[in-house]
Amino acid sequence: MECSAGALAALPGGGSPDCPLDVLSLEAPSDLPEMTPASWFWAAVALHVRGAALLSLVDLPSQGAATSLTVRRSALEHAAQAARCAAFVNKVG
């Protein structure tokens, strides 16, 4: 998960360690005009990796149902945002 956070922070407009970018709130390429199609592609990859990592943390026998649902929801949010960023690749440029 650290590698996906580092990758997102390294992108143009990725924020700083003190003030990271809220990537889950991005709704249009115009939210970060400095991002290139390649940057949107790598943002999608990083979000997908983070979603997959979160999903791998689900362990129903040792977690309560509420915790498991919270982790699954976060994984789904990251996967959905990865798909949105992947769609931005063709809208920019």
PDB file of N, CA and C in Angstrom:
ATOM      1  N   MET A   1       0.817  -1.178   0.000  1.00  0.00           N
ATOM      2  CA  MET A   1       0.000   0.000   0.000  1.00  0.00           C
ATOM      3  C   MET A   1       0.867   1.250   0.000  1.00  0.00           C
ATOM      4  N   GLU A   2       2.052   1.150   0.604  1.00  0.00           N
ATOM      5  CA  GLU A   2       2.925   2.317   0.617  1.00  0.00           C
ATOM      6  C   GLU A   2       3.379   2.683  -0.788  1.00  0.00           C
ATOM      7  N   CYS A   3       3.592   1.669  -1.643  1.00  0.00           N
ATOM      8  CA  CYS A   3       4.067   1.967  -2.994  1.00  0.00           C
ATOM      9  C   CYS A   3       2.992   2.699  -3.792  1.00  0.00           C
ATOM     10  N   SER A   4       1.719   2.366  -3.597  1.00  0.00           N
ATOM     11  CA  SER A   4       0.672   3.081  -4.325  1.00  0.00           C
ATOM     12  C   SER A   4       0.542   4.510  -3.812  1.00  0.00           C
ATOM     13  N   ALA A   5       0.701   4.713  -2.516  1.00  0.00           N
ATOM     14  CA  ALA A   5       0.654   6.076  -1.961  1.00  0.00           C
ATOM     15  C   ALA A   5       1.825   6.895  -2.481  1.00  0.00           C
ATOM     16  N   GLY A   6       3.003   6.287  -2.551  1.00  0.00           N
ATOM     17  CA  GLY A   6       4.175   6.977  -3.080  1.00  0.00           C
ATOM     18  C   GLY A   6       4.026   7.317  -4.548  1.00  0.00           C
ATOM     19  N   ALA A   7       3.435   6.395  -5.320  1.00  0.00           N
ATOM     20  CA  ALA A   7       3.220   6.643  -6.744  1.00  0.00           C
ATOM     21  C   ALA A   7       2.249   7.794  -6.952  1.00  0.00           C
ATOM     22  N   LEU A   8       1.173   7.832  -6.184  1.00  0.00           N
ATOM     23  CA  LEU A   8       0.201   8.920  -6.318  1.00  0.00           C
ATOM     24  C   LEU A   8       0.803  10.266  -5.906  1.00  0.00           C
ATOM     25  N   ALA A   9       1.646  10.254  -4.874  1.00  0.00           N
ATOM     26  CA  ALA A   9       2.276  11.497  -4.425  1.00  0.00           C
ATOM     27  C   ALA A   9       3.277  12.024  -5.449  1.00  0.00           C
ATOM     28  N   ALA A  10       3.855  11.125  -6.260  1.00  0.00           N
ATOM     29  CA  ALA A  10       4.852  11.540  -7.245  1.00  0.00           C
ATOM     30  C   ALA A  10       4.240  12.114  -8.516  1.00  0.00           C
ATOM     31  N   LEU A  11       2.950  11.941  -8.709  1.00  0.00           N
ATOM     32  CA  LEU A  11       2.297  12.451  -9.914  1.00  0.00           C
ATOM     33  C   LEU A  11       2.153  13.966  -9.870  1.00  0.00           C
ATOM     34  N   PRO A  12       2.046  14.612 -11.030  1.00  0.00           N
ATOM     35  CA  PRO A  12       1.810  16.055 -11.038  1.00  0.00           C
ATOM     36  C   PRO A  12       0.529  16.376 -10.285  1.00  0.00           C
ATOM     37  N   GLY A  13       0.610  17.320  -9.370  1.00  0.00           N
ATOM     38  CA  GLY A  13      -0.553  17.680  -8.569  1.00  0.00           C
ATOM     39  C   GLY A  13      -0.830  16.694  -7.458  1.00  0.00           C
ATOM     40  N   GLY A  14       0.107  15.789  -7.214  1.00  0.00           N
ATOM     41  CA  GLY A  14      -0.088  14.742  -6.222  1.00  0.00           C
ATOM     42  C   GLY A  14      -0.038  15.197  -4.789  1.00  0.00           C
ATOM     43  N   GLY A  15       0.199  16.444  -4.574  1.00  0.00           N
ATOM     44  CA  GLY A  15       0.236  16.958  -3.214  1.00  0.00           C
ATOM     45  C   GLY A  15       1.586  16.724  -2.564  1.00  0.00           C
ATOM     46  N   SER A  16       1.627  16.963  -1.282  1.00  0.00           N
ATOM     47  CA  SER A  16       2.854  16.780  -0.508  1.00  0.00           C
ATOM     48  C   SER A  16       2.534  15.858   0.664  1.00  0.00           C
ATOM     49  N   PRO A  17       3.554  15.366   1.345  1.00  0.00           N
ATOM     50  CA  PRO A  17       3.280  14.513   2.503  1.00  0.00           C
ATOM     51  C   PRO A  17       2.434  15.218   3.566  1.00  0.00           C
ATOM     52  N   ASP A  18       2.599  16.535   3.685  1.00  0.00           N
ATOM     53  CA  ASP A  18       1.829  17.282   4.673  1.00  0.00           C
ATOM     54  C   ASP A  18       0.380  17.493   4.238  1.00  0.00           C
ATOM     55  N   CYS A  19       0.158  17.581   2.928  1.00  0.00           N
ATOM     56  CA  CYS A  19      -1.173  17.852   2.386  1.00  0.00           C
ATOM     57  C   CYS A  19      -1.396  16.975   1.157  1.00  0.00           C
ATOM     58  N   PRO A  20      -1.693  15.677   1.362  1.00  0.00           N
ATOM     59  CA  PRO A  20      -1.850  14.782   0.211  1.00  0.00           C
ATOM     60  C   PRO A  20      -3.111  15.093  -0.590  1.00  0.00           C
ATOM     61  N   LEU A  21      -3.059  14.734  -1.847  1.00  0.00           N
ATOM     62  CA  LEU A  21      -4.201  14.905  -2.741  1.00  0.00           C
ATOM     63  C   LEU A  21      -5.272  13.872  -2.408  1.00  0.00           C
ATOM     64  N   ASP A  22      -6.521  14.289  -2.358  1.00  0.00           N
ATOM     65  CA  ASP A  22      -7.631  13.362  -2.132  1.00  0.00           C
ATOM     66  C   ASP A  22      -8.042  12.797  -3.488  1.00  0.00           C
ATOM     67  N   VAL A  23      -7.408  11.701  -3.885  1.00  0.00           N
ATOM     68  CA  VAL A  23      -7.639  11.148  -5.218  1.00  0.00           C
ATOM     69  C   VAL A  23      -9.038  10.578  -5.389  1.00  0.00           C
ATOM     70  N   LEU A  24      -9.689  10.230  -4.302  1.00  0.00           N
ATOM     71  CA  LEU A  24     -11.028   9.673  -4.411  1.00  0.00           C
ATOM     72  C   LEU A  24     -12.073  10.735  -4.735  1.00  0.00           C
ATOM     73  N   SER A  25     -11.697  12.001  -4.630  1.00  0.00           N
ATOM     74  CA  SER A  25     -12.659  13.075  -4.903  1.00  0.00           C
ATOM     75  C   SER A  25     -12.566  13.603  -6.335  1.00  0.00           C
ATOM     76  N   LEU A  26     -11.612  13.116  -7.120  1.00  0.00           N
ATOM     77  CA  LEU A  26     -11.455  13.594  -8.494  1.00  0.00           C
ATOM     78  C   LEU A  26     -12.622  13.124  -9.355  1.00  0.00           C
ATOM     79  N   GLU A  27     -13.264  14.053 -10.044  1.00  0.00           N
ATOM     80  CA  GLU A  27     -14.419  13.700 -10.861  1.00  0.00           C
ATOM     81  C   GLU A  27     -14.233  13.982 -12.343  1.00  0.00           C
ATOM     82  N   ALA A  28     -13.240  14.798 -12.688  1.00  0.00           N
ATOM     83  CA  ALA A  28     -13.026  15.159 -14.092  1.00  0.00           C
ATOM     84  C   ALA A  28     -11.550  15.477 -14.300  1.00  0.00           C
ATOM     85  N   PRO A  29     -11.054  15.312 -15.530  1.00  0.00           N
ATOM     86  CA  PRO A  29      -9.658  15.655 -15.801  1.00  0.00           C
ATOM     87  C   PRO A  29      -9.342  17.116 -15.465  1.00  0.00           C
ATOM     88  N   SER A  30     -10.345  17.973 -15.534  1.00  0.00           N
ATOM     89  CA  SER A  30     -10.115  19.393 -15.235  1.00  0.00           C
ATOM     90  C   SER A  30      -9.820  19.636 -13.759  1.00  0.00           C
ATOM     91  N   ASP A  31     -10.061  18.645 -12.897  1.00  0.00           N
ATOM     92  CA  ASP A  31      -9.720  18.790 -11.478  1.00  0.00           C
ATOM     93  C   ASP A  31      -8.218  18.908 -11.281  1.00  0.00           C
ATOM     94  N   LEU A  32      -7.448  18.315 -12.183  1.00  0.00           N
ATOM     95  CA  LEU A  32      -5.979  18.406 -12.171  1.00  0.00           C
ATOM     96  C   LEU A  32      -5.497  18.630 -13.593  1.00  0.00           C
ATOM     97  N   PRO A  33      -5.561  19.866 -14.086  1.00  0.00           N
ATOM     98  CA  PRO A  33      -5.204  20.116 -15.483  1.00  0.00           C
ATOM     99  C   PRO A  33      -3.749  19.800 -15.827  1.00  0.00           C
ATOM    100  N   GLU A  34      -2.879  19.742 -14.830  1.00  0.00           N
ATOM    101  CA  GLU A  34      -1.460  19.470 -15.110  1.00  0.00           C
ATOM    102  C   GLU A  34      -1.183  17.985 -15.372  1.00  0.00           C
ATOM    103  N   MET A  35      -2.179  17.136 -15.208  1.00  0.00           N
ATOM    104  CA  MET A  35      -2.001  15.700 -15.433  1.00  0.00           C
ATOM    105  C   MET A  35      -2.065  15.386 -16.923  1.00  0.00           C
ATOM    106  N   THR A  36      -1.118  14.589 -17.391  1.00  0.00           N
ATOM    107  CA  THR A  36      -1.084  14.132 -18.781  1.00  0.00           C
ATOM    108  C   THR A  36      -1.828  12.804 -18.880  1.00  0.00           C
ATOM    109  N   PRO A  37      -2.113  12.334 -20.099  1.00  0.00           N
ATOM    110  CA  PRO A  37      -2.728  11.012 -20.216  1.00  0.00           C
ATOM    111  C   PRO A  37      -1.909   9.908 -19.529  1.00  0.00           C
ATOM    112  N   ALA A  38      -0.602   9.990 -19.640  1.00  0.00           N
ATOM    113  CA  ALA A  38       0.244   8.990 -18.979  1.00  0.00           C
ATOM    114  C   ALA A  38       0.107   9.080 -17.454  1.00  0.00           C
ATOM    115  N   SER A  39      -0.013  10.296 -16.931  1.00  0.00           N
ATOM    116  CA  SER A  39      -0.192  10.471 -15.485  1.00  0.00           C
ATOM    117  C   SER A  39      -1.510   9.876 -15.029  1.00  0.00           C
ATOM    118  N   TRP A  40      -2.579  10.077 -15.822  1.00  0.00           N
ATOM    119  CA  TRP A  40      -3.875   9.485 -15.464  1.00  0.00           C
ATOM    120  C   TRP A  40      -3.800   7.966 -15.503  1.00  0.00           C
ATOM    121  N   PHE A  41      -3.064   7.431 -16.473  1.00  0.00           N
ATOM    122  CA  PHE A  41      -2.891   5.976 -16.560  1.00  0.00           C
ATOM    123  C   PHE A  41      -2.231   5.441 -15.293  1.00  0.00           C
ATOM    124  N   TRP A  42      -1.137   6.095 -14.873  1.00  0.00           N
ATOM    125  CA  TRP A  42      -0.421   5.614 -13.698  1.00  0.00           C
ATOM    126  C   TRP A  42      -1.203   5.848 -12.417  1.00  0.00           C
ATOM    127  N   ALA A  43      -2.014   6.889 -12.386  1.00  0.00           N
ATOM    128  CA  ALA A  43      -2.901   7.091 -11.239  1.00  0.00           C
ATOM    129  C   ALA A  43      -3.898   5.940 -11.157  1.00  0.00           C
ATOM    130  N   ALA A  44      -4.432   5.523 -12.310  1.00  0.00           N
ATOM    131  CA  ALA A  44      -5.365   4.399 -12.336  1.00  0.00           C
ATOM    132  C   ALA A  44      -4.692   3.116 -11.858  1.00  0.00           C
ATOM    133  N   VAL A  45      -3.463   2.899 -12.283  1.00  0.00           N
ATOM    134  CA  VAL A  45      -2.727   1.706 -11.849  1.00  0.00           C
ATOM    135  C   VAL A  45      -2.507   1.736 -10.335  1.00  0.00           C
ATOM    136  N   ALA A  46      -2.072   2.879  -9.815  1.00  0.00           N
ATOM    137  CA  ALA A  46      -1.815   2.993  -8.377  1.00  0.00           C
ATOM    138  C   ALA A  46      -3.097   2.783  -7.566  1.00  0.00           C
ATOM    139  N   LEU A  47      -4.206   3.336  -8.031  1.00  0.00           N
ATOM    140  CA  LEU A  47      -5.471   3.147  -7.324  1.00  0.00           C
ATOM    141  C   LEU A  47      -5.940   1.696  -7.386  1.00  0.00           C
ATOM    142  N   HIS A  48      -5.731   1.058  -8.518  1.00  0.00           N
ATOM    143  CA  HIS A  48      -6.090  -0.358  -8.643  1.00  0.00           C
ATOM    144  C   HIS A  48      -5.252  -1.203  -7.683  1.00  0.00           C
ATOM    145  N   VAL A  49      -3.966  -0.942  -7.618  1.00  0.00           N
ATOM    146  CA  VAL A  49      -3.080  -1.687  -6.715  1.00  0.00           C
ATOM    147  C   VAL A  49      -3.512  -1.481  -5.267  1.00  0.00           C
ATOM    148  N   ARG A  50      -3.857  -0.243  -4.911  1.00  0.00           N
ATOM    149  CA  ARG A  50      -4.294   0.040  -3.544  1.00  0.00           C
ATOM    150  C   ARG A  50      -5.605  -0.694  -3.238  1.00  0.00           C
ATOM    151  N   GLY A  51      -6.542  -0.685  -4.186  1.00  0.00           N
ATOM    152  CA  GLY A  51      -7.800  -1.396  -3.981  1.00  0.00           C
ATOM    153  C   GLY A  51      -7.582  -2.888  -3.799  1.00  0.00           C
ATOM    154  N   ALA A  52      -6.708  -3.463  -4.611  1.00  0.00           N
ATOM    155  CA  ALA A  52      -6.402  -4.891  -4.487  1.00  0.00           C
ATOM    156  C   ALA A  52      -5.726  -5.199  -3.152  1.00  0.00           C
ATOM    157  N   ALA A  53      -4.842  -4.308  -2.714  1.00  0.00           N
ATOM    158  CA  ALA A  53      -4.172  -4.508  -1.424  1.00  0.00           C
ATOM    159  C   ALA A  53      -5.178  -4.440  -0.277  1.00  0.00           C
ATOM    160  N   LEU A  54      -6.102  -3.497  -0.361  1.00  0.00           N
ATOM    161  CA  LEU A  54      -7.132  -3.403   0.674  1.00  0.00           C
ATOM    162  C   LEU A  54      -8.000  -4.660   0.700  1.00  0.00           C
ATOM    163  N   LEU A  55      -8.366  -5.134  -0.472  1.00  0.00           N
ATOM    164  CA  LEU A  55      -9.199  -6.330  -0.539  1.00  0.00           C
ATOM    165  C   LEU A  55      -8.485  -7.545   0.049  1.00  0.00           C
ATOM    166  N   SER A  56      -7.174  -7.586  -0.099  1.00  0.00           N
ATOM    167  CA  SER A  56      -6.424  -8.716   0.458  1.00  0.00           C
ATOM    168  C   SER A  56      -6.365  -8.671   1.988  1.00  0.00           C
ATOM    169  N   LEU A  57      -6.705  -7.526   2.564  1.00  0.00           N
ATOM    170  CA  LEU A  57      -6.702  -7.406   4.026  1.00  0.00           C
ATOM    171  C   LEU A  57      -7.978  -7.955   4.668  1.00  0.00           C
ATOM    172  N   VAL A  58      -8.989  -8.237   3.860  1.00  0.00           N
ATOM    173  CA  VAL A  58     -10.240  -8.771   4.406  1.00  0.00           C
ATOM    174  C   VAL A  58      -9.998 -10.192   4.892  1.00  0.00           C
ATOM    175  N   ASP A  59     -10.284 -10.415   6.156  1.00  0.00           N
ATOM    176  CA  ASP A  59     -10.131 -11.742   6.765  1.00  0.00           C
ATOM    177  C   ASP A  59     -11.316 -11.949   7.695  1.00  0.00           C
ATOM    178  N   LEU A  60     -12.408 -12.412   7.101  1.00  0.00           N
ATOM    179  CA  LEU A  60     -13.673 -12.499   7.823  1.00  0.00           C
ATOM    180  C   LEU A  60     -13.595 -13.297   9.127  1.00  0.00           C
ATOM    181  N   PRO A  61     -12.882 -14.436   9.172  1.00  0.00           N
ATOM    182  CA  PRO A  61     -12.861 -15.185  10.440  1.00  0.00           C
ATOM    183  C   PRO A  61     -12.254 -14.399  11.603  1.00  0.00           C
ATOM    184  N   SER A  62     -11.286 -13.533  11.326  1.00  0.00           N
ATOM    185  CA  SER A  62     -10.640 -12.812  12.423  1.00  0.00           C
ATOM    186  C   SER A  62     -11.130 -11.372  12.565  1.00  0.00           C
ATOM    187  N   GLN A  63     -12.003 -10.926  11.655  1.00  0.00           N
ATOM    188  CA  GLN A  63     -12.538  -9.571  11.721  1.00  0.00           C
ATOM    189  C   GLN A  63     -14.034  -9.643  11.968  1.00  0.00           C
ATOM    190  N   GLY A  64     -14.540  -8.590  12.539  1.00  0.00           N
ATOM    191  CA  GLY A  64     -15.984  -8.492  12.673  1.00  0.00           C
ATOM    192  C   GLY A  64     -16.598  -8.161  11.323  1.00  0.00           C
ATOM    193  N   ALA A  65     -17.896  -8.352  11.211  1.00  0.00           N
ATOM    194  CA  ALA A  65     -18.586  -8.086   9.949  1.00  0.00           C
ATOM    195  C   ALA A  65     -18.482  -6.614   9.562  1.00  0.00           C
ATOM    196  N   ALA A  66     -18.584  -5.723  10.536  1.00  0.00           N
ATOM    197  CA  ALA A  66     -18.516  -4.287  10.247  1.00  0.00           C
ATOM    198  C   ALA A  66     -17.142  -3.898   9.712  1.00  0.00           C
ATOM    199  N   THR A  67     -16.091  -4.440  10.308  1.00  0.00           N
ATOM    200  CA  THR A  67     -14.737  -4.139   9.844  1.00  0.00           C
ATOM    201  C   THR A  67     -14.529  -4.671   8.435  1.00  0.00           C
ATOM    202  N   SER A  68     -14.974  -5.878   8.207  1.00  0.00           N
ATOM    203  CA  SER A  68     -14.842  -6.488   6.886  1.00  0.00           C
ATOM    204  C   SER A  68     -15.575  -5.660   5.831  1.00  0.00           C
ATOM    205  N   LEU A  69     -16.772  -5.215   6.135  1.00  0.00           N
ATOM    206  CA  LEU A  69     -17.529  -4.392   5.190  1.00  0.00           C
ATOM    207  C   LEU A  69     -16.847  -3.051   4.933  1.00  0.00           C
ATOM    208  N   THR A  70     -16.280  -2.458   5.971  1.00  0.00           N
ATOM    209  CA  THR A  70     -15.585  -1.176   5.813  1.00  0.00           C
ATOM    210  C   THR A  70     -14.377  -1.317   4.896  1.00  0.00           C
ATOM    211  N   VAL A  71     -13.604  -2.377   5.084  1.00  0.00           N
ATOM    212  CA  VAL A  71     -12.422  -2.605   4.244  1.00  0.00           C
ATOM    213  C   VAL A  71     -12.843  -2.905   2.806  1.00  0.00           C
ATOM    214  N   ARG A  72     -13.884  -3.709   2.640  1.00  0.00           N
ATOM    215  CA  ARG A  72     -14.375  -4.013   1.290  1.00  0.00           C
ATOM    216  C   ARG A  72     -14.891  -2.760   0.598  1.00  0.00           C
ATOM    217  N   ARG A  73     -15.579  -1.906   1.330  1.00  0.00           N
ATOM    218  CA  ARG A  73     -16.098  -0.667   0.741  1.00  0.00           C
ATOM    219  C   ARG A  73     -14.955   0.230   0.279  1.00  0.00           C
ATOM    220  N   SER A  74     -13.932   0.346   1.099  1.00  0.00           N
ATOM    221  CA  SER A  74     -12.779   1.163   0.716  1.00  0.00           C
ATOM    222  C   SER A  74     -12.092   0.586  -0.520  1.00  0.00           C
ATOM    223  N   ALA A  75     -11.973  -0.729  -0.592  1.00  0.00           N
ATOM    224  CA  ALA A  75     -11.378  -1.369  -1.768  1.00  0.00           C
ATOM    225  C   ALA A  75     -12.208  -1.072  -3.008  1.00  0.00           C
ATOM    226  N   LEU A  76     -13.508  -1.142  -2.878  1.00  0.00           N
ATOM    227  CA  LEU A  76     -14.398  -0.857  -4.003  1.00  0.00           C
ATOM    228  C   LEU A  76     -14.310   0.606  -4.438  1.00  0.00           C
ATOM    229  N   GLU A  77     -14.214   1.517  -3.470  1.00  0.00           N
ATOM    230  CA  GLU A  77     -14.058   2.943  -3.810  1.00  0.00           C
ATOM    231  C   GLU A  77     -12.790   3.173  -4.620  1.00  0.00           C
ATOM    232  N   HIS A  78     -11.698   2.521  -4.226  1.00  0.00           N
ATOM    233  CA  HIS A  78     -10.435   2.676  -4.948  1.00  0.00           C
ATOM    234  C   HIS A  78     -10.519   2.052  -6.347  1.00  0.00           C
ATOM    235  N   ALA A  79     -11.172   0.912  -6.459  1.00  0.00           N
ATOM    236  CA  ALA A  79     -11.323   0.274  -7.774  1.00  0.00           C
ATOM    237  C   ALA A  79     -12.176   1.141  -8.705  1.00  0.00           C
ATOM    238  N   ALA A  80     -13.248   1.714  -8.173  1.00  0.00           N
ATOM    239  CA  ALA A  80     -14.107   2.578  -8.984  1.00  0.00           C
ATOM    240  C   ALA A  80     -13.364   3.840  -9.423  1.00  0.00           C
ATOM    241  N   GLN A  81     -12.572   4.410  -8.530  1.00  0.00           N
ATOM    242  CA  GLN A  81     -11.812   5.611  -8.896  1.00  0.00           C
ATOM    243  C   GLN A  81     -10.718   5.263  -9.893  1.00  0.00           C
ATOM    244  N   ALA A  82     -10.154   4.061  -9.793  1.00  0.00           N
ATOM    245  CA  ALA A  82      -9.155   3.625 -10.779  1.00  0.00           C
ATOM    246  C   ALA A  82      -9.786   3.563 -12.160  1.00  0.00           C
ATOM    247  N   ALA A  83     -10.999   3.038 -12.231  1.00  0.00           N
ATOM    248  CA  ALA A  83     -11.694   2.980 -13.526  1.00  0.00           C
ATOM    249  C   ALA A  83     -11.990   4.381 -14.049  1.00  0.00           C
ATOM    250  N   ARG A  84     -12.372   5.295 -13.160  1.00  0.00           N
ATOM    251  CA  ARG A  84     -12.642   6.673 -13.569  1.00  0.00           C
ATOM    252  C   ARG A  84     -11.365   7.323 -14.118  1.00  0.00           C
ATOM    253  N   CYS A  85     -10.255   7.143 -13.430  1.00  0.00           N
ATOM    254  CA  CYS A  85      -8.984   7.720 -13.898  1.00  0.00           C
ATOM    255  C   CYS A  85      -8.550   7.098 -15.218  1.00  0.00           C
ATOM    256  N   ALA A  86      -8.800   5.811 -15.396  1.00  0.00           N
ATOM    257  CA  ALA A  86      -8.462   5.163 -16.665  1.00  0.00           C
ATOM    258  C   ALA A  86      -9.287   5.767 -17.799  1.00  0.00           C
ATOM    259  N   ALA A  87     -10.528   6.131 -17.519  1.00  0.00           N
ATOM    260  CA  ALA A  87     -11.363   6.766 -18.543  1.00  0.00           C
ATOM    261  C   ALA A  87     -10.850   8.160 -18.892  1.00  0.00           C
ATOM    262  N   PHE A  88     -10.187   8.811 -17.953  1.00  0.00           N
ATOM    263  CA  PHE A  88      -9.639  10.150 -18.203  1.00  0.00           C
ATOM    264  C   PHE A  88      -8.504  10.112 -19.224  1.00  0.00           C
ATOM    265  N   VAL A  89      -7.863   8.967 -19.378  1.00  0.00           N
ATOM    266  CA  VAL A  89      -6.721   8.859 -20.290  1.00  0.00           C
ATOM    267  C   VAL A  89      -7.108   9.315 -21.697  1.00  0.00           C
ATOM    268  N   ASN A  90      -8.271   8.933 -22.169  1.00  0.00           N
ATOM    269  CA  ASN A  90      -8.699   9.286 -23.511  1.00  0.00           C
ATOM    270  C   ASN A  90      -9.360  10.654 -23.601  1.00  0.00           C
ATOM    271  N   LYS A  91      -9.670  11.268 -22.472  1.00  0.00           N
ATOM    272  CA  LYS A  91     -10.331  12.578 -22.466  1.00  0.00           C
ATOM    273  C   LYS A  91      -9.340  13.731 -22.440  1.00  0.00           C
ATOM    274  N   VAL A  92      -8.080  13.434 -22.124  1.00  0.00           N
ATOM    275  CA  VAL A  92      -7.053  14.478 -21.980  1.00  0.00           C
ATOM    276  C   VAL A  92      -6.180  14.468 -23.232  1.00  0.00           C
ATOM    277  N   GLY A  93      -5.758  15.638 -23.612  1.00  0.00           N
ATOM    278  CA  GLY A  93      -4.766  15.720 -24.665  1.00  0.00           C
ATOM    279  C   GLY A  93      -5.257  16.022 -26.009  1.00  0.00           C
TER     280      GLY A  93
END
